[in-house]
Amino acid sequence: MLRWIANRIVHYVPTPERLAERALNELRLELYQAEQHVLNAQMHAAYYRARLTFLEEVIATGIEKVADKRRGQLEGSQALRAGPKLTEVVPEIRTFG
C-alpha cells in the first residue's frame, strides 16, 4: 500500500517539464488575448480615422456634396455586390403512356 502511495506521489509531482508545459499553455492564451487587443485597437483607430475624415470633408465641402458622393458610392457598390441573377431550373416532367 505504501509503495502505491509513493508511486502516486512521484507520478503527480510537478516536474520542471510539467510546469513548463502548463506555463506554455498559459502564455499561448495570453498571447492570443494580446493579439485580440491589438486587432480591436486597430479597428477602433480605423473607425475614428474614418469619422474624422468624414467630418473634415463635411466642414470643407458641405453635407450635401458629401451625402451625394457617398450615395453614388453606395449605389455602385450595391451593383457590384448584386452580380448576375441566377434563374431557377425546373426539370421536365415526362409522362409515359
PDB file of N, CA and C in Angstrom:
ATOM      1  N   MET A   1       0.815  -1.195   0.000  1.00  0.00           N
ATOM      2  CA  MET A   1       0.000   0.000   0.000  1.00  0.00           C
ATOM      3  C   MET A   1       0.860   1.260   0.000  1.00  0.00           C
ATOM      4  N   LEU A   2       1.898   1.247   0.819  1.00  0.00           N
ATOM      5  CA  LEU A   2       2.778   2.407   0.859  1.00  0.00           C
ATOM      6  C   LEU A   2       3.504   2.603  -0.467  1.00  0.00           C
ATOM      7  N   ARG A   3       3.849   1.497  -1.137  1.00  0.00           N
ATOM      8  CA  ARG A   3       4.503   1.598  -2.439  1.00  0.00           C
ATOM      9  C   ARG A   3       3.550   2.263  -3.442  1.00  0.00           C
ATOM     10  N   TRP A   4       2.271   1.920  -3.389  1.00  0.00           N
ATOM     11  CA  TRP A   4       1.274   2.504  -4.293  1.00  0.00           C
ATOM     12  C   TRP A   4       1.156   4.005  -4.065  1.00  0.00           C
ATOM     13  N   ILE A   5       1.099   4.391  -2.784  1.00  0.00           N
ATOM     14  CA  ILE A   5       1.007   5.813  -2.442  1.00  0.00           C
ATOM     15  C   ILE A   5       2.265   6.543  -2.907  1.00  0.00           C
ATOM     16  N   ALA A   6       3.419   5.957  -2.711  1.00  0.00           N
ATOM     17  CA  ALA A   6       4.670   6.574  -3.122  1.00  0.00           C
ATOM     18  C   ALA A   6       4.713   6.727  -4.649  1.00  0.00           C
ATOM     19  N   ASN A   7       4.259   5.709  -5.370  1.00  0.00           N
ATOM     20  CA  ASN A   7       4.231   5.797  -6.832  1.00  0.00           C
ATOM     21  C   ASN A   7       3.285   6.898  -7.303  1.00  0.00           C
ATOM     22  N   ARG A   8       2.150   7.008  -6.639  1.00  0.00           N
ATOM     23  CA  ARG A   8       1.194   8.059  -6.998  1.00  0.00           C
ATOM     24  C   ARG A   8       1.778   9.442  -6.740  1.00  0.00           C
ATOM     25  N   ILE A   9       2.452   9.602  -5.634  1.00  0.00           N
ATOM     26  CA  ILE A   9       3.056  10.890  -5.304  1.00  0.00           C
ATOM     27  C   ILE A   9       4.129  11.236  -6.335  1.00  0.00           C
ATOM     28  N   VAL A  10       4.983  10.270  -6.660  1.00  0.00           N
ATOM     29  CA  VAL A  10       6.043  10.507  -7.635  1.00  0.00           C
ATOM     30  C   VAL A  10       5.437  10.817  -9.009  1.00  0.00           C
ATOM     31  N   HIS A  11       4.331  10.149  -9.327  1.00  0.00           N
ATOM     32  CA  HIS A  11       3.698  10.346 -10.629  1.00  0.00           C
ATOM     33  C   HIS A  11       3.120  11.758 -10.775  1.00  0.00           C
ATOM     34  N   TYR A  12       2.619  12.334  -9.706  1.00  0.00           N
ATOM     35  CA  TYR A  12       1.967  13.644  -9.776  1.00  0.00           C
ATOM     36  C   TYR A  12       2.830  14.802  -9.287  1.00  0.00           C
ATOM     37  N   VAL A  13       4.086  14.568  -8.982  1.00  0.00           N
ATOM     38  CA  VAL A  13       4.979  15.643  -8.544  1.00  0.00           C
ATOM     39  C   VAL A  13       5.196  16.593  -9.728  1.00  0.00           C
ATOM     40  N   PRO A  14       5.045  17.900  -9.472  1.00  0.00           N
ATOM     41  CA  PRO A  14       5.247  18.853 -10.571  1.00  0.00           C
ATOM     42  C   PRO A  14       6.728  18.951 -10.947  1.00  0.00           C
ATOM     43  N   THR A  15       7.068  18.356 -12.057  1.00  0.00           N
ATOM     44  CA  THR A  15       8.447  18.409 -12.548  1.00  0.00           C
ATOM     45  C   THR A  15       8.624  19.703 -13.348  1.00  0.00           C
ATOM     46  N   PRO A  16       9.854  20.090 -13.561  1.00  0.00           N
ATOM     47  CA  PRO A  16      10.075  21.309 -14.370  1.00  0.00           C
ATOM     48  C   PRO A  16       9.441  21.208 -15.761  1.00  0.00           C
ATOM     49  N   GLU A  17       9.432  20.023 -16.335  1.00  0.00           N
ATOM     50  CA  GLU A  17       8.826  19.851 -17.655  1.00  0.00           C
ATOM     51  C   GLU A  17       7.320  20.093 -17.598  1.00  0.00           C
ATOM     52  N   ARG A  18       6.672  19.553 -16.579  1.00  0.00           N
ATOM     53  CA  ARG A  18       5.221  19.758 -16.435  1.00  0.00           C
ATOM     54  C   ARG A  18       4.896  21.220 -16.146  1.00  0.00           C
ATOM     55  N   LEU A  19       5.705  21.848 -15.314  1.00  0.00           N
ATOM     56  CA  LEU A  19       5.494  23.271 -15.033  1.00  0.00           C
ATOM     57  C   LEU A  19       5.684  24.101 -16.297  1.00  0.00           C
ATOM     58  N   ALA A  20       6.694  23.750 -17.095  1.00  0.00           N
ATOM     59  CA  ALA A  20       6.930  24.483 -18.345  1.00  0.00           C
ATOM     60  C   ALA A  20       5.778  24.275 -19.322  1.00  0.00           C
ATOM     61  N   GLU A  21       5.246  23.068 -19.379  1.00  0.00           N
ATOM     62  CA  GLU A  21       4.116  22.799 -20.279  1.00  0.00           C
ATOM     63  C   GLU A  21       2.886  23.606 -19.874  1.00  0.00           C
ATOM     64  N   ARG A  22       2.617  23.660 -18.589  1.00  0.00           N
ATOM     65  CA  ARG A  22       1.489  24.445 -18.097  1.00  0.00           C
ATOM     66  C   ARG A  22       1.708  25.932 -18.362  1.00  0.00           C
ATOM     67  N   ALA A  23       2.924  26.421 -18.135  1.00  0.00           N
ATOM     68  CA  ALA A  23       3.231  27.830 -18.382  1.00  0.00           C
ATOM     69  C   ALA A  23       3.141  28.150 -19.875  1.00  0.00           C
ATOM     70  N   LEU A  24       3.547  27.197 -20.726  1.00  0.00           N
ATOM     71  CA  LEU A  24       3.465  27.405 -22.169  1.00  0.00           C
ATOM     72  C   LEU A  24       2.016  27.582 -22.602  1.00  0.00           C
ATOM     73  N   ASN A  25       1.132  26.763 -22.083  1.00  0.00           N
ATOM     74  CA  ASN A  25      -0.290  26.888 -22.436  1.00  0.00           C
ATOM     75  C   ASN A  25      -0.865  28.227 -21.965  1.00  0.00           C
ATOM     76  N   GLU A  26      -0.489  28.645 -20.770  1.00  0.00           N
ATOM     77  CA  GLU A  26      -0.968  29.925 -20.253  1.00  0.00           C
ATOM     78  C   GLU A  26      -0.430  31.093 -21.092  1.00  0.00           C
ATOM     79  N   LEU A  27       0.837  31.009 -21.481  1.00  0.00           N
ATOM     80  CA  LEU A  27       1.428  32.075 -22.287  1.00  0.00           C
ATOM     81  C   LEU A  27       0.811  32.131 -23.676  1.00  0.00           C
ATOM     82  N   ARG A  28       0.467  30.993 -24.244  1.00  0.00           N
ATOM     83  CA  ARG A  28      -0.205  30.992 -25.552  1.00  0.00           C
ATOM     84  C   ARG A  28      -1.556  31.697 -25.454  1.00  0.00           C
ATOM     85  N   LEU A  29      -2.282  31.426 -24.380  1.00  0.00           N
ATOM     86  CA  LEU A  29      -3.574  32.081 -24.183  1.00  0.00           C
ATOM     87  C   LEU A  29      -3.385  33.590 -24.019  1.00  0.00           C
ATOM     88  N   GLU A  30      -2.401  34.009 -23.247  1.00  0.00           N
ATOM     89  CA  GLU A  30      -2.151  35.433 -23.051  1.00  0.00           C
ATOM     90  C   GLU A  30      -1.716  36.106 -24.351  1.00  0.00           C
ATOM     91  N   LEU A  31      -0.919  35.410 -25.168  1.00  0.00           N
ATOM     92  CA  LEU A  31      -0.522  35.955 -26.465  1.00  0.00           C
ATOM     93  C   LEU A  31      -1.733  36.139 -27.366  1.00  0.00           C
ATOM     94  N   TYR A  32      -2.613  35.153 -27.381  1.00  0.00           N
ATOM     95  CA  TYR A  32      -3.833  35.254 -28.185  1.00  0.00           C
ATOM     96  C   TYR A  32      -4.666  36.452 -27.739  1.00  0.00           C
ATOM     97  N   GLN A  33      -4.824  36.618 -26.433  1.00  0.00           N
ATOM     98  CA  GLN A  33      -5.604  37.745 -25.917  1.00  0.00           C
ATOM     99  C   GLN A  33      -4.946  39.079 -26.267  1.00  0.00           C
ATOM    100  N   ALA A  34      -3.624  39.140 -26.194  1.00  0.00           N
ATOM    101  CA  ALA A  34      -2.918  40.376 -26.543  1.00  0.00           C
ATOM    102  C   ALA A  34      -3.097  40.699 -28.030  1.00  0.00           C
ATOM    103  N   GLU A  35      -3.045  39.662 -28.879  1.00  0.00           N
ATOM    104  CA  GLU A  35      -3.265  39.889 -30.306  1.00  0.00           C
ATOM    105  C   GLU A  35      -4.688  40.367 -30.567  1.00  0.00           C
ATOM    106  N   GLN A  36      -5.655  39.851 -29.836  1.00  0.00           N
ATOM    107  CA  GLN A  36      -7.034  40.307 -29.978  1.00  0.00           C
ATOM    108  C   GLN A  36      -7.169  41.774 -29.569  1.00  0.00           C
ATOM    109  N   HIS A  37      -6.459  42.164 -28.508  1.00  0.00           N
ATOM    110  CA  HIS A  37      -6.483  43.569 -28.083  1.00  0.00           C
ATOM    111  C   HIS A  37      -5.902  44.474 -29.175  1.00  0.00           C
ATOM    112  N   VAL A  38      -4.815  44.012 -29.813  1.00  0.00           N
ATOM    113  CA  VAL A  38      -4.205  44.798 -30.884  1.00  0.00           C
ATOM    114  C   VAL A  38      -5.179  44.949 -32.048  1.00  0.00           C
ATOM    115  N   LEU A  39      -5.830  43.842 -32.439  1.00  0.00           N
ATOM    116  CA  LEU A  39      -6.795  43.912 -33.541  1.00  0.00           C
ATOM    117  C   LEU A  39      -7.960  44.846 -33.206  1.00  0.00           C
ATOM    118  N   ASN A  40      -8.444  44.770 -31.974  1.00  0.00           N
ATOM    119  CA  ASN A  40      -9.529  45.669 -31.555  1.00  0.00           C
ATOM    120  C   ASN A  40      -9.079  47.126 -31.582  1.00  0.00           C
ATOM    121  N   ALA A  41      -7.853  47.378 -31.144  1.00  0.00           N
ATOM    122  CA  ALA A  41      -7.341  48.752 -31.157  1.00  0.00           C
ATOM    123  C   ALA A  41      -7.202  49.261 -32.590  1.00  0.00           C
ATOM    124  N   GLN A  42      -6.749  48.410 -33.509  1.00  0.00           N
ATOM    125  CA  GLN A  42      -6.639  48.822 -34.906  1.00  0.00           C
ATOM    126  C   GLN A  42      -8.014  49.116 -35.490  1.00  0.00           C
ATOM    127  N   MET A  43      -9.001  48.305 -35.131  1.00  0.00           N
ATOM    128  CA  MET A  43     -10.353  48.525 -35.627  1.00  0.00           C
ATOM    129  C   MET A  43     -10.911  49.847 -35.102  1.00  0.00           C
ATOM    130  N   HIS A  44     -10.682  50.129 -33.825  1.00  0.00           N
ATOM    131  CA  HIS A  44     -11.151  51.386 -33.251  1.00  0.00           C
ATOM    132  C   HIS A  44     -10.449  52.578 -33.910  1.00  0.00           C
ATOM    133  N   ALA A  45      -9.151  52.449 -34.142  1.00  0.00           N
ATOM    134  CA  ALA A  45      -8.409  53.538 -34.779  1.00  0.00           C
ATOM    135  C   ALA A  45      -8.933  53.793 -36.190  1.00  0.00           C
ATOM    136  N   ALA A  46      -9.219  52.730 -36.940  1.00  0.00           N
ATOM    137  CA  ALA A  46      -9.753  52.896 -38.292  1.00  0.00           C
ATOM    138  C   ALA A  46     -11.126  53.557 -38.254  1.00  0.00           C
ATOM    139  N   TYR A  47     -11.937  53.189 -37.270  1.00  0.00           N
ATOM    140  CA  TYR A  47     -13.266  53.792 -37.132  1.00  0.00           C
ATOM    141  C   TYR A  47     -13.163  55.297 -36.883  1.00  0.00           C
ATOM    142  N   TYR A  48     -12.323  55.689 -35.930  1.00  0.00           N
ATOM    143  CA  TYR A  48     -12.201  57.110 -35.610  1.00  0.00           C
ATOM    144  C   TYR A  48     -11.522  57.875 -36.744  1.00  0.00           C
ATOM    145  N   ARG A  49     -10.601  57.228 -37.459  1.00  0.00           N
ATOM    146  CA  ARG A  49      -9.966  57.850 -38.608  1.00  0.00           C
ATOM    147  C   ARG A  49     -11.017  58.151 -39.685  1.00  0.00           C
ATOM    148  N   ALA A  50     -11.921  57.194 -39.922  1.00  0.00           N
ATOM    149  CA  ALA A  50     -12.979  57.395 -40.916  1.00  0.00           C
ATOM    150  C   ALA A  50     -13.938  58.494 -40.483  1.00  0.00           C
ATOM    151  N   ARG A  51     -14.269  58.551 -39.200  1.00  0.00           N
ATOM    152  CA  ARG A  51     -15.150  59.619 -38.703  1.00  0.00           C
ATOM    153  C   ARG A  51     -14.512  60.987 -38.865  1.00  0.00           C
ATOM    154  N   LEU A  52     -13.215  61.086 -38.536  1.00  0.00           N
ATOM    155  CA  LEU A  52     -12.512  62.358 -38.690  1.00  0.00           C
ATOM    156  C   LEU A  52     -12.477  62.793 -40.149  1.00  0.00           C
ATOM    157  N   THR A  53     -12.207  61.859 -41.049  1.00  0.00           N
ATOM    158  CA  THR A  53     -12.185  62.178 -42.470  1.00  0.00           C
ATOM    159  C   THR A  53     -13.547  62.677 -42.930  1.00  0.00           C
ATOM    160  N   PHE A  54     -14.593  62.006 -42.487  1.00  0.00           N
ATOM    161  CA  PHE A  54     -15.953  62.401 -42.852  1.00  0.00           C
ATOM    162  C   PHE A  54     -16.265  63.812 -42.359  1.00  0.00           C
ATOM    163  N   LEU A  55     -15.969  64.082 -41.100  1.00  0.00           N
ATOM    164  CA  LEU A  55     -16.273  65.405 -40.543  1.00  0.00           C
ATOM    165  C   LEU A  55     -15.452  66.505 -41.204  1.00  0.00           C
ATOM    166  N   GLU A  56     -14.177  66.222 -41.508  1.00  0.00           N
ATOM    167  CA  GLU A  56     -13.356  67.216 -42.203  1.00  0.00           C
ATOM    168  C   GLU A  56     -13.909  67.488 -43.594  1.00  0.00           C
ATOM    169  N   GLU A  57     -14.387  66.454 -44.260  1.00  0.00           N
ATOM    170  CA  GLU A  57     -14.965  66.620 -45.586  1.00  0.00           C
ATOM    171  C   GLU A  57     -16.271  67.412 -45.516  1.00  0.00           C
ATOM    172  N   VAL A  58     -17.072  67.167 -44.492  1.00  0.00           N
ATOM    173  CA  VAL A  58     -18.320  67.923 -44.321  1.00  0.00           C
ATOM    174  C   VAL A  58     -18.007  69.392 -44.086  1.00  0.00           C
ATOM    175  N   ILE A  59     -17.017  69.683 -43.267  1.00  0.00           N
ATOM    176  CA  ILE A  59     -16.648  71.074 -42.991  1.00  0.00           C
ATOM    177  C   ILE A  59     -16.134  71.748 -44.258  1.00  0.00           C
ATOM    178  N   ALA A  60     -15.346  71.012 -45.046  1.00  0.00           N
ATOM    179  CA  ALA A  60     -14.730  71.611 -46.230  1.00  0.00           C
ATOM    180  C   ALA A  60     -15.715  71.814 -47.381  1.00  0.00           C
ATOM    181  N   THR A  61     -16.580  70.828 -47.638  1.00  0.00           N
ATOM    182  CA  THR A  61     -17.414  70.896 -48.839  1.00  0.00           C
ATOM    183  C   THR A  61     -18.903  71.003 -48.566  1.00  0.00           C
ATOM    184  N   GLY A  62     -19.330  70.741 -47.371  1.00  0.00           N
ATOM    185  CA  GLY A  62     -20.755  70.793 -47.059  1.00  0.00           C
ATOM    186  C   GLY A  62     -21.373  69.401 -47.060  1.00  0.00           C
ATOM    187  N   ILE A  63     -22.424  69.264 -46.306  1.00  0.00           N
ATOM    188  CA  ILE A  63     -23.041  67.959 -46.115  1.00  0.00           C
ATOM    189  C   ILE A  63     -23.713  67.438 -47.383  1.00  0.00           C
ATOM    190  N   GLU A  64     -24.257  68.334 -48.212  1.00  0.00           N
ATOM    191  CA  GLU A  64     -24.958  67.888 -49.417  1.00  0.00           C
ATOM    192  C   GLU A  64     -24.014  67.175 -50.373  1.00  0.00           C
ATOM    193  N   LYS A  65     -22.847  67.762 -50.610  1.00  0.00           N
ATOM    194  CA  LYS A  65     -21.890  67.159 -51.536  1.00  0.00           C
ATOM    195  C   LYS A  65     -21.358  65.829 -50.995  1.00  0.00           C
ATOM    196  N   VAL A  66     -21.129  65.783 -49.696  1.00  0.00           N
ATOM    197  CA  VAL A  66     -20.634  64.541 -49.097  1.00  0.00           C
ATOM    198  C   VAL A  66     -21.706  63.459 -49.186  1.00  0.00           C
ATOM    199  N   ALA A  67     -22.945  63.826 -48.911  1.00  0.00           N
ATOM    200  CA  ALA A  67     -24.030  62.846 -48.973  1.00  0.00           C
ATOM    201  C   ALA A  67     -24.233  62.353 -50.397  1.00  0.00           C
ATOM    202  N   ASP A  68     -24.192  63.268 -51.376  1.00  0.00           N
ATOM    203  CA  ASP A  68     -24.343  62.855 -52.774  1.00  0.00           C
ATOM    204  C   ASP A  68     -23.208  61.926 -53.201  1.00  0.00           C
ATOM    205  N   LYS A  69     -22.006  62.267 -52.794  1.00  0.00           N
ATOM    206  CA  LYS A  69     -20.846  61.453 -53.151  1.00  0.00           C
ATOM    207  C   LYS A  69     -20.963  60.058 -52.532  1.00  0.00           C
ATOM    208  N   ARG A  70     -21.339  59.993 -51.269  1.00  0.00           N
ATOM    209  CA  ARG A  70     -21.477  58.696 -50.605  1.00  0.00           C
ATOM    210  C   ARG A  70     -22.644  57.899 -51.167  1.00  0.00           C
ATOM    211  N   ARG A  71     -23.706  58.552 -51.552  1.00  0.00           N
ATOM    212  CA  ARG A  71     -24.847  57.855 -52.137  1.00  0.00           C
ATOM    213  C   ARG A  71     -24.433  57.203 -53.450  1.00  0.00           C
ATOM    214  N   GLY A  72     -23.639  57.912 -54.254  1.00  0.00           N
ATOM    215  CA  GLY A  72     -23.141  57.364 -55.517  1.00  0.00           C
ATOM    216  C   GLY A  72     -22.228  56.167 -55.286  1.00  0.00           C
ATOM    217  N   GLN A  73     -21.392  56.252 -54.255  1.00  0.00           N
ATOM    218  CA  GLN A  73     -20.510  55.133 -53.939  1.00  0.00           C
ATOM    219  C   GLN A  73     -21.311  53.934 -53.456  1.00  0.00           C
ATOM    220  N   LEU A  74     -22.354  54.175 -52.685  1.00  0.00           N
ATOM    221  CA  LEU A  74     -23.184  53.097 -52.170  1.00  0.00           C
ATOM    222  C   LEU A  74     -23.915  52.382 -53.300  1.00  0.00           C
ATOM    223  N   GLU A  75     -24.465  53.146 -54.241  1.00  0.00           N
ATOM    224  CA  GLU A  75     -25.170  52.535 -55.360  1.00  0.00           C
ATOM    225  C   GLU A  75     -24.217  51.715 -56.221  1.00  0.00           C
ATOM    226  N   GLY A  76     -23.020  52.206 -56.429  1.00  0.00           N
ATOM    227  CA  GLY A  76     -22.031  51.478 -57.214  1.00  0.00           C
ATOM    228  C   GLY A  76     -21.607  50.176 -56.545  1.00  0.00           C
ATOM    229  N   SER A  77     -21.430  50.214 -55.244  1.00  0.00           N
ATOM    230  CA  SER A  77     -21.014  49.006 -54.541  1.00  0.00           C
ATOM    231  C   SER A  77     -22.149  47.988 -54.477  1.00  0.00           C
ATOM    232  N   GLN A  78     -23.403  48.449 -54.409  1.00  0.00           N
ATOM    233  CA  GLN A  78     -24.527  47.520 -54.400  1.00  0.00           C
ATOM    234  C   GLN A  78     -24.671  46.850 -55.756  1.00  0.00           C
ATOM    235  N   ALA A  79     -24.390  47.571 -56.829  1.00  0.00           N
ATOM    236  CA  ALA A  79     -24.468  46.975 -58.158  1.00  0.00           C
ATOM    237  C   ALA A  79     -23.394  45.903 -58.319  1.00  0.00           C
ATOM    238  N   LEU A  80     -22.219  46.138 -57.757  1.00  0.00           N
ATOM    239  CA  LEU A  80     -21.158  45.140 -57.836  1.00  0.00           C
ATOM    240  C   LEU A  80     -21.499  43.917 -57.000  1.00  0.00           C
ATOM    241  N   ARG A  81     -22.118  44.119 -55.850  1.00  0.00           N
ATOM    242  CA  ARG A  81     -22.477  43.012 -54.976  1.00  0.00           C
ATOM    243  C   ARG A  81     -23.587  42.145 -55.551  1.00  0.00           C
ATOM    244  N   ALA A  82     -24.504  42.769 -56.281  1.00  0.00           N
ATOM    245  CA  ALA A  82     -25.654  42.023 -56.781  1.00  0.00           C
ATOM    246  C   ALA A  82     -25.218  40.943 -57.760  1.00  0.00           C
ATOM    247  N   GLY A  83     -24.343  41.268 -58.700  1.00  0.00           N
ATOM    248  CA  GLY A  83     -23.843  40.284 -59.642  1.00  0.00           C
ATOM    249  C   GLY A  83     -24.939  39.744 -60.543  1.00  0.00           C
ATOM    250  N   PRO A  84     -24.629  38.721 -61.298  1.00  0.00           N
ATOM    251  CA  PRO A  84     -25.634  38.151 -62.202  1.00  0.00           C
ATOM    252  C   PRO A  84     -26.708  37.393 -61.424  1.00  0.00           C
ATOM    253  N   LYS A  85     -27.889  37.443 -61.918  1.00  0.00           N
ATOM    254  CA  LYS A  85     -29.009  36.740 -61.280  1.00  0.00           C
ATOM    255  C   LYS A  85     -29.055  35.311 -61.807  1.00  0.00           C
ATOM    256  N   LEU A  86     -29.287  34.403 -60.925  1.00  0.00           N
ATOM    257  CA  LEU A  86     -29.422  33.005 -61.310  1.00  0.00           C
ATOM    258  C   LEU A  86     -30.894  32.686 -61.481  1.00  0.00           C
ATOM    259  N   THR A  87     -31.200  31.943 -62.503  1.00  0.00           N
ATOM    260  CA  THR A  87     -32.598  31.565 -62.719  1.00  0.00           C
ATOM    261  C   THR A  87     -32.790  30.140 -62.241  1.00  0.00           C
ATOM    262  N   GLU A  88     -33.989  29.858 -61.869  1.00  0.00           N
ATOM    263  CA  GLU A  88     -34.313  28.537 -61.353  1.00  0.00           C
ATOM    264  C   GLU A  88     -34.484  27.577 -62.526  1.00  0.00           C
ATOM    265  N   VAL A  89     -33.895  26.409 -62.409  1.00  0.00           N
ATOM    266  CA  VAL A  89     -34.012  25.393 -63.439  1.00  0.00           C
ATOM    267  C   VAL A  89     -35.052  24.387 -62.969  1.00  0.00           C
ATOM    268  N   VAL A  90     -36.111  24.240 -63.761  1.00  0.00           N
ATOM    269  CA  VAL A  90     -37.180  23.313 -63.422  1.00  0.00           C
ATOM    270  C   VAL A  90     -37.069  22.115 -64.358  1.00  0.00           C
ATOM    271  N   PRO A  91     -36.899  20.913 -63.812  1.00  0.00           N
ATOM    272  CA  PRO A  91     -36.787  19.748 -64.683  1.00  0.00           C
ATOM    273  C   PRO A  91     -38.123  19.433 -65.348  1.00  0.00           C
ATOM    274  N   GLU A  92     -38.032  18.849 -66.542  1.00  0.00           N
ATOM    275  CA  GLU A  92     -39.253  18.493 -67.255  1.00  0.00           C
ATOM    276  C   GLU A  92     -39.874  17.252 -66.611  1.00  0.00           C
ATOM    277  N   ILE A  93     -41.174  17.244 -66.623  1.00  0.00           N
ATOM    278  CA  ILE A  93     -41.892  16.084 -66.112  1.00  0.00           C
ATOM    279  C   ILE A  93     -42.406  15.312 -67.332  1.00  0.00           C
ATOM    280  N   ARG A  94     -41.958  14.099 -67.447  1.00  0.00           N
ATOM    281  CA  ARG A  94     -42.372  13.280 -68.598  1.00  0.00           C
ATOM    282  C   ARG A  94     -43.384  12.235 -68.136  1.00  0.00           C
ATOM    283  N   THR A  95     -44.368  12.078 -68.895  1.00  0.00           N
ATOM    284  CA  THR A  95     -45.356  11.031 -68.601  1.00  0.00           C
ATOM    285  C   THR A  95     -45.256   9.979 -69.681  1.00  0.00           C
ATOM    286  N   PHE A  96     -45.321   8.778 -69.280  1.00  0.00           N
ATOM    287  CA  PHE A  96     -45.253   7.664 -70.215  1.00  0.00           C
ATOM    288  C   PHE A  96     -46.670   7.130 -70.413  1.00  0.00           C
ATOM    289  N   GLY A  97     -47.030   6.984 -71.613  1.00  0.00           N
ATOM    290  CA  GLY A  97     -48.357   6.443 -71.772  1.00  0.00           C
ATOM    291  C   GLY A  97     -48.898   6.450 -73.154  1.00  0.00           C
TER     292      GLY A  97
END
